Protein backbone atom coordinates (compact mmCIF):
# COMPACT_ATOMS: atom_id res chain seq x y z
CA UNK A 1 101.62 109.92 114.18
CA UNK A 2 103.93 112.01 116.37
CA UNK A 3 107.46 110.63 116.03
CA UNK A 4 110.74 111.46 117.74
CA UNK A 5 113.75 110.89 115.46
CA UNK A 6 117.00 110.80 117.40
CA UNK A 7 119.98 111.77 115.30
CA UNK A 8 117.37 113.50 113.17
CA UNK A 9 119.79 116.01 111.65
CA UNK A 10 122.16 113.28 110.46
CA UNK A 11 122.23 111.62 107.06
CA UNK A 12 119.61 108.90 107.52
CA UNK A 13 117.75 110.80 110.24
CA UNK A 14 117.21 113.95 108.16
CA UNK A 15 115.88 111.99 105.19
CA UNK A 16 113.54 110.18 107.58
CA UNK A 17 112.29 113.48 109.01
CA UNK A 18 111.48 114.75 105.51
CA UNK A 19 109.78 111.47 104.56
CA UNK A 20 107.64 111.50 107.72
CA UNK A 21 106.49 115.05 107.06
CA UNK A 22 105.71 114.24 103.43
CA UNK A 23 103.45 111.43 104.65
CA UNK A 24 101.56 113.73 107.03
CA UNK A 25 103.26 112.67 110.27
CA UNK A 26 104.76 115.02 112.86
CA UNK A 27 108.51 114.63 113.20
CA UNK A 28 110.64 115.99 116.04
CA UNK A 29 114.40 115.66 115.56
CA UNK A 30 116.62 115.39 118.63
CA UNK A 31 120.27 115.87 117.68
CA UNK A 32 123.39 117.20 119.42
CA UNK A 33 124.71 118.34 115.99
CA UNK A 34 128.06 116.66 116.60
CA UNK A 35 127.78 115.11 113.13
CA UNK A 36 124.37 116.34 111.95
CA UNK A 37 123.50 119.64 110.29
CA UNK A 38 120.97 122.20 111.47
CA UNK A 39 120.17 123.15 107.87
CA UNK A 40 119.30 119.57 106.89
CA UNK A 41 115.79 119.76 108.35
CA UNK A 42 113.13 122.43 108.88
CA UNK A 43 113.99 124.69 111.81
CA UNK A 44 110.77 123.93 113.66
CA UNK A 45 111.60 120.21 113.77
CA UNK A 46 114.94 120.48 115.56
CA UNK A 47 115.62 120.12 119.26
CA UNK A 48 119.33 120.36 120.04
CA UNK A 49 120.46 118.00 122.77
CA UNK A 50 121.66 114.58 123.86
CA UNK A 51 119.58 111.40 124.07
CA UNK A 52 120.79 110.84 127.65
CA UNK A 53 119.63 114.29 128.85
CA UNK A 54 116.74 113.14 131.02
CA UNK A 55 115.17 116.55 131.65
CA UNK A 56 115.30 117.56 127.99
CA UNK A 57 114.04 114.22 126.71
CA UNK A 58 111.05 114.10 129.05
CA UNK A 59 110.13 117.66 128.06
CA UNK A 60 110.31 116.77 124.37
CA UNK A 61 108.19 113.63 124.87
CA UNK A 62 105.54 115.46 126.89
CA UNK A 63 105.32 118.71 124.97
CA UNK A 64 105.09 116.94 121.60
CA UNK A 65 102.98 114.00 122.78
CA UNK A 66 105.39 111.60 121.12
CA UNK A 67 103.88 108.23 120.21
CA UNK A 68 106.88 106.41 118.71
CA UNK A 69 110.63 106.72 118.25
CA UNK A 70 113.02 106.21 115.35
CA UNK A 71 116.42 105.74 117.01
CA UNK A 72 119.14 106.86 114.58
CA UNK A 73 121.49 108.57 117.03
CA UNK A 74 124.79 106.67 117.11
CA UNK A 75 128.48 106.75 116.36
CA UNK A 76 128.80 104.96 113.05
CA UNK A 77 132.25 104.33 111.60
CA UNK A 78 133.63 100.80 111.37
CA UNK A 79 137.37 101.69 111.12
CA UNK A 80 137.12 104.44 113.72
CA UNK A 81 135.42 102.06 116.15
CA UNK A 82 138.29 99.59 115.75
CA UNK A 83 140.85 102.32 116.53
CA UNK A 84 138.88 103.87 119.40
CA UNK A 85 136.07 101.58 120.66
CA UNK A 86 135.28 103.34 123.94
CA UNK A 87 133.09 106.15 122.55
CA UNK A 88 131.11 103.61 120.52
CA UNK A 89 130.17 101.56 123.56
CA UNK A 90 129.43 104.74 125.52
CA UNK A 91 127.17 106.34 122.90
CA UNK A 92 125.61 103.27 121.29
CA UNK A 93 125.17 101.16 124.44
CA UNK A 94 125.47 103.12 127.70
CA UNK A 95 123.55 106.19 126.52
CA UNK A 96 121.17 103.95 124.60
CA UNK A 97 120.20 102.10 127.77
CA UNK A 98 119.57 105.35 129.64
CA UNK A 99 117.46 106.48 126.70
CA UNK A 100 115.43 103.26 126.78
CA UNK A 101 114.83 103.65 130.49
CA UNK A 102 113.52 107.19 130.01
CA UNK A 103 111.18 105.98 127.26
CA UNK A 104 109.94 103.16 129.47
CA UNK A 105 109.30 105.49 132.41
CA UNK A 106 107.29 107.69 130.07
CA UNK A 107 105.27 104.69 128.86
CA UNK A 108 106.57 104.88 125.30
CA UNK A 109 106.86 101.34 123.94
CA UNK A 110 107.25 101.62 120.14
CA UNK A 111 110.78 101.91 118.76
CA UNK A 112 112.30 101.58 115.31
CA UNK A 113 116.02 101.00 115.75
CA UNK A 114 118.67 101.93 113.21
CA UNK A 115 120.82 98.81 113.18
CA UNK A 116 123.40 97.62 110.66
CA UNK A 117 124.52 94.67 108.57
CA UNK A 118 127.80 95.08 110.45
CA UNK A 119 126.26 92.70 113.02
CA UNK A 120 127.01 89.78 110.65
CA UNK A 121 130.75 90.18 110.18
CA UNK A 122 131.96 87.90 107.38
CA UNK A 123 128.81 86.07 106.27
CA UNK A 124 128.95 82.34 105.61
CA UNK A 125 126.78 82.81 102.51
CA UNK A 126 125.14 85.63 100.57
CA UNK A 127 122.61 87.07 100.28
CA UNK A 128 122.41 87.26 104.06
CA UNK A 129 119.20 86.29 105.84
CA UNK A 130 118.26 87.66 109.24
CA UNK A 131 118.96 84.35 111.01
CA UNK A 132 122.53 84.12 109.67
CA UNK A 133 125.43 83.75 112.10
CA UNK A 134 126.40 87.03 113.76
CA UNK A 135 130.10 87.59 114.43
CA UNK A 136 130.75 91.35 114.20
CA UNK A 137 134.25 92.34 113.11
CA UNK A 138 134.16 95.79 114.70
CA UNK A 139 133.08 97.44 117.96
CA UNK A 140 130.53 99.36 115.90
CA UNK A 141 128.91 96.15 114.65
CA UNK A 142 129.04 94.64 118.14
CA UNK A 143 127.37 97.71 119.65
CA UNK A 144 124.49 97.39 117.18
CA UNK A 145 124.07 93.68 117.91
CA UNK A 146 124.18 94.27 121.66
CA UNK A 147 121.48 96.94 121.45
CA UNK A 148 119.28 94.63 119.39
CA UNK A 149 119.63 92.05 122.16
CA UNK A 150 118.85 94.67 124.80
CA UNK A 151 115.66 95.55 122.95
CA UNK A 152 114.73 91.87 122.84
CA UNK A 153 115.06 91.62 126.63
CA UNK A 154 113.13 94.87 127.14
CA UNK A 155 110.40 93.36 125.01
CA UNK A 156 110.26 90.23 127.17
CA UNK A 157 110.39 92.09 130.47
CA UNK A 158 108.54 95.35 129.79
CA UNK A 159 106.48 94.82 126.65
CA UNK A 160 108.58 97.11 124.46
CA UNK A 161 107.81 96.52 120.79
CA UNK A 162 110.46 97.27 118.21
CA UNK A 163 111.61 96.86 114.64
CA UNK A 164 115.37 96.61 114.15
CA UNK A 165 116.37 97.57 110.61
CA UNK A 166 119.76 96.23 109.57
CA UNK A 167 120.84 98.56 106.79
CA UNK A 168 123.36 97.64 104.20
CA UNK A 169 125.00 100.73 102.63
CA UNK A 170 122.60 103.67 102.62
CA UNK A 171 123.49 105.97 99.73
CA UNK A 172 122.09 108.64 97.45
CA UNK A 173 120.28 111.86 98.24
CA UNK A 174 117.02 113.78 97.92
CA UNK A 175 118.10 116.89 95.99
CA UNK A 176 114.50 118.11 95.73
CA UNK A 177 114.44 118.31 99.54
CA UNK A 178 117.90 119.83 99.82
CA UNK A 179 119.37 116.90 101.73
CA UNK A 180 122.25 114.59 100.94
CA UNK A 181 125.30 112.88 102.38
CA UNK A 182 127.88 115.06 104.14
CA UNK A 183 130.18 113.42 106.70
CA UNK A 184 133.25 115.12 108.16
CA UNK A 185 135.56 113.46 107.37
CA UNK A 186 133.83 111.68 104.49
CA UNK A 187 134.68 107.98 104.46
CA UNK A 188 131.74 106.56 102.50
CA UNK A 189 132.48 105.36 99.00
CA UNK A 190 129.96 107.10 96.73
CA UNK A 191 130.33 110.63 98.16
CA UNK A 192 134.11 110.17 98.27
CA UNK A 193 134.13 109.35 94.56
CA UNK A 194 131.88 112.28 93.69
CA UNK A 195 133.88 114.72 95.81
CA UNK A 196 137.01 113.69 93.95
CA UNK A 197 135.26 114.43 90.65
CA UNK A 198 134.32 117.86 92.01
CA UNK A 199 137.94 118.50 92.92
CA UNK A 200 137.32 118.37 96.67
CA UNK A 201 139.95 115.64 97.00
CA UNK A 202 142.80 114.50 94.79
CA UNK A 203 141.85 110.84 94.49
CA UNK A 204 139.79 107.95 95.83
CA UNK A 205 141.43 105.26 97.91
CA UNK A 206 140.48 101.65 97.26
CA UNK A 207 140.95 99.87 100.57
CA UNK A 208 141.95 96.36 99.62
CA UNK A 209 142.32 94.71 96.22
CA UNK A 210 143.00 91.20 97.55
CA UNK A 211 139.52 90.24 98.71
CA UNK A 212 138.13 86.87 97.50
CA UNK A 213 135.88 88.61 94.96
CA UNK A 214 135.92 88.71 91.16
CA UNK A 215 137.90 91.96 90.92
CA UNK A 216 139.57 91.77 94.34
CA UNK A 217 137.66 94.69 95.88
CA UNK A 218 134.98 94.54 98.58
CA UNK A 219 131.34 94.08 97.57
CA UNK A 220 128.43 95.94 99.14
CA UNK A 221 124.66 96.19 98.73
CA UNK A 222 123.69 99.85 98.23
CA UNK A 223 120.17 101.02 99.11
CA UNK A 224 118.83 104.51 98.54
CA UNK A 225 118.51 106.57 101.69
CA UNK A 226 114.90 107.53 100.90
CA UNK A 227 114.03 103.84 100.58
CA UNK A 228 115.58 103.39 104.03
CA UNK A 229 113.41 106.27 105.28
CA UNK A 230 110.32 104.61 103.82
CA UNK A 231 111.27 101.38 105.60
CA UNK A 232 111.28 103.38 108.85
CA UNK A 233 107.78 104.65 108.18
CA UNK A 234 106.47 101.20 107.25
CA UNK A 235 107.96 99.85 110.48
CA UNK A 236 106.31 102.63 112.52
CA UNK A 237 102.94 101.89 110.91
CA UNK A 238 103.42 98.18 111.57
CA UNK A 239 103.96 98.84 115.28
CA UNK A 240 101.08 101.36 115.43
CA UNK A 241 98.77 98.65 114.07
CA UNK A 242 99.79 96.32 116.91
CA UNK A 243 102.38 94.37 114.93
CA UNK A 244 104.95 92.16 116.61
CA UNK A 245 108.61 92.99 117.07
CA UNK A 246 110.77 92.29 114.01
CA UNK A 247 114.40 92.26 112.90
CA UNK A 248 114.78 92.95 109.18
CA UNK A 249 117.49 93.55 106.59
CA UNK A 250 117.22 96.66 104.41
CA UNK A 251 118.96 96.30 101.06
CA UNK A 252 118.38 95.62 97.39
CA UNK A 253 119.77 92.09 97.40
CA UNK A 254 122.38 93.11 94.81
CA UNK A 255 126.11 93.44 95.35
CA UNK A 256 128.51 95.87 93.68
CA UNK A 257 132.28 95.97 94.10
CA UNK A 258 134.22 99.13 94.88
CA UNK A 259 135.54 99.15 91.32
CA UNK A 260 132.00 98.76 89.92
CA UNK A 261 130.83 101.73 92.00
CA UNK A 262 133.67 103.84 90.63
CA UNK A 263 132.88 102.78 87.06
CA UNK A 264 129.17 103.56 87.58
CA UNK A 265 130.07 107.00 88.95
CA UNK A 266 132.23 107.67 85.88
CA UNK A 267 129.30 106.78 83.61
CA UNK A 268 126.86 108.98 85.53
CA UNK A 269 129.17 112.00 85.66
CA UNK A 270 131.02 111.52 82.40
CA UNK A 271 134.31 112.09 84.21
CA UNK A 272 137.24 109.88 85.14
CA UNK A 273 138.14 109.09 88.73
CA UNK A 274 141.72 108.98 89.93
CA UNK A 275 142.30 106.10 92.36
CA UNK A 276 145.04 104.98 94.71
CA UNK A 277 145.32 101.49 96.11
CA UNK A 278 145.55 101.02 99.86
CA UNK A 279 145.51 98.20 102.38
CA UNK A 280 142.26 96.77 103.71
CA UNK A 281 140.67 98.68 106.57
CA UNK A 282 140.29 96.84 109.85
CA UNK A 283 136.78 95.47 110.37
CA UNK A 284 135.67 95.45 106.72
CA UNK A 285 134.11 92.16 105.52
CA UNK A 286 134.71 91.07 101.93
CA UNK A 287 131.03 90.83 100.93
CA UNK A 288 127.82 92.18 102.45
CA UNK A 289 124.65 91.64 100.43
CA UNK A 290 121.22 91.40 102.05
CA UNK A 291 118.27 89.17 101.43
CA UNK A 292 115.42 91.72 101.71
CA UNK A 293 112.55 89.25 101.27
CA UNK A 294 111.53 89.34 104.94
CA UNK A 295 111.23 93.14 104.78
CA UNK A 296 109.26 92.99 101.55
CA UNK A 297 106.87 90.41 103.00
CA UNK A 298 106.44 91.85 106.51
CA UNK A 299 106.17 95.55 105.68
CA UNK A 300 105.16 95.50 102.00
CA UNK A 301 108.32 97.47 101.25
CA UNK A 302 109.42 98.12 97.70
CA UNK A 303 112.44 100.23 96.75
CA UNK A 304 111.85 103.19 94.45
CA UNK A 305 115.51 103.21 93.44
CA UNK A 306 116.34 99.69 92.31
CA UNK A 307 119.54 100.35 90.33
CA UNK A 308 122.94 101.57 91.44
CA UNK A 309 123.05 104.09 88.60
CA UNK A 310 119.85 105.74 89.90
CA UNK A 311 121.27 105.96 93.40
CA UNK A 312 124.54 107.49 92.22
CA UNK A 313 122.65 109.96 89.99
CA UNK A 314 120.71 111.41 92.95
CA UNK A 315 123.92 111.72 94.96
CA UNK A 316 125.67 113.43 92.03
CA UNK A 317 122.85 115.94 91.61
CA UNK A 318 123.01 116.89 95.30
CA UNK A 319 126.80 117.17 95.38
CA UNK A 320 126.84 119.32 92.23
CA UNK A 321 124.41 121.70 93.91
CA UNK A 322 126.28 121.49 97.24
CA UNK A 323 129.99 121.12 96.39
CA UNK A 324 130.94 121.97 99.97
CA UNK A 325 128.13 119.94 101.51
CA UNK A 326 125.77 121.75 103.83
CA UNK A 327 128.35 124.54 104.12
CA UNK A 328 127.34 125.46 100.56
């Protein structure tokens, strides 16, 4: 299969590109490198540019005979979207619609969309099923929900078929492939903890210790980034076989608090982590844990990394080898 991965030099996108190639598919990564890294994927895969660049996109689709799309390109920070929502609606919605129109004009009707559990907001119960109430707490989460709804209407009107994958917290790395997690600035929990152990930062901030959880810190469901990549491939194969459109959670169905993640990181590395307590961040729900049974049933998905300790260990191996991220 010939697949276009937008945002293909980013964290999830680059792992997806490597996974596609390992499975014998052709992957073309379109990325403006605003947050992605040229060195994260093979040189021959990368096309530098914007998803709303009509001339470039049509050339990429035609020259590579693209058959399906994995749409990972997005702005993706909950607290940043609360502080400055405009760019999130511009990139994730306005540009996304122009991108969909270009795909439709080209006759390309198979899309796997990188969505998020941020669409749920504060869930009424956990683990969260796909039909749970959706009340996003951030512009980022709202932008993901809106684009899911846009895809639904494109499906009804134009026959577009899609799989929306609502990730929980993608984490970990693929050190054997030379790819891992490197955001600038880094706001994700596991890499923040590991960078502090490596001396790249003085401490780790715990944002909120007054949540209604056992230890007072927020709880998240962490899923290995390569298992997310495999979910992308399973979704592509489902659509290629004529499968119907789907909306699915991607997670392990297990929740770990911020303090538990820090303790797990200390066990994996054998080093203590210095922490500082801070107020809650705007837009952060107390608990997000997925029910992945629909994904398991529909796409025969099974995570290779089923334990938090395994996930942290792969991240630690990559960060040890790349203490300055891709700049290493």
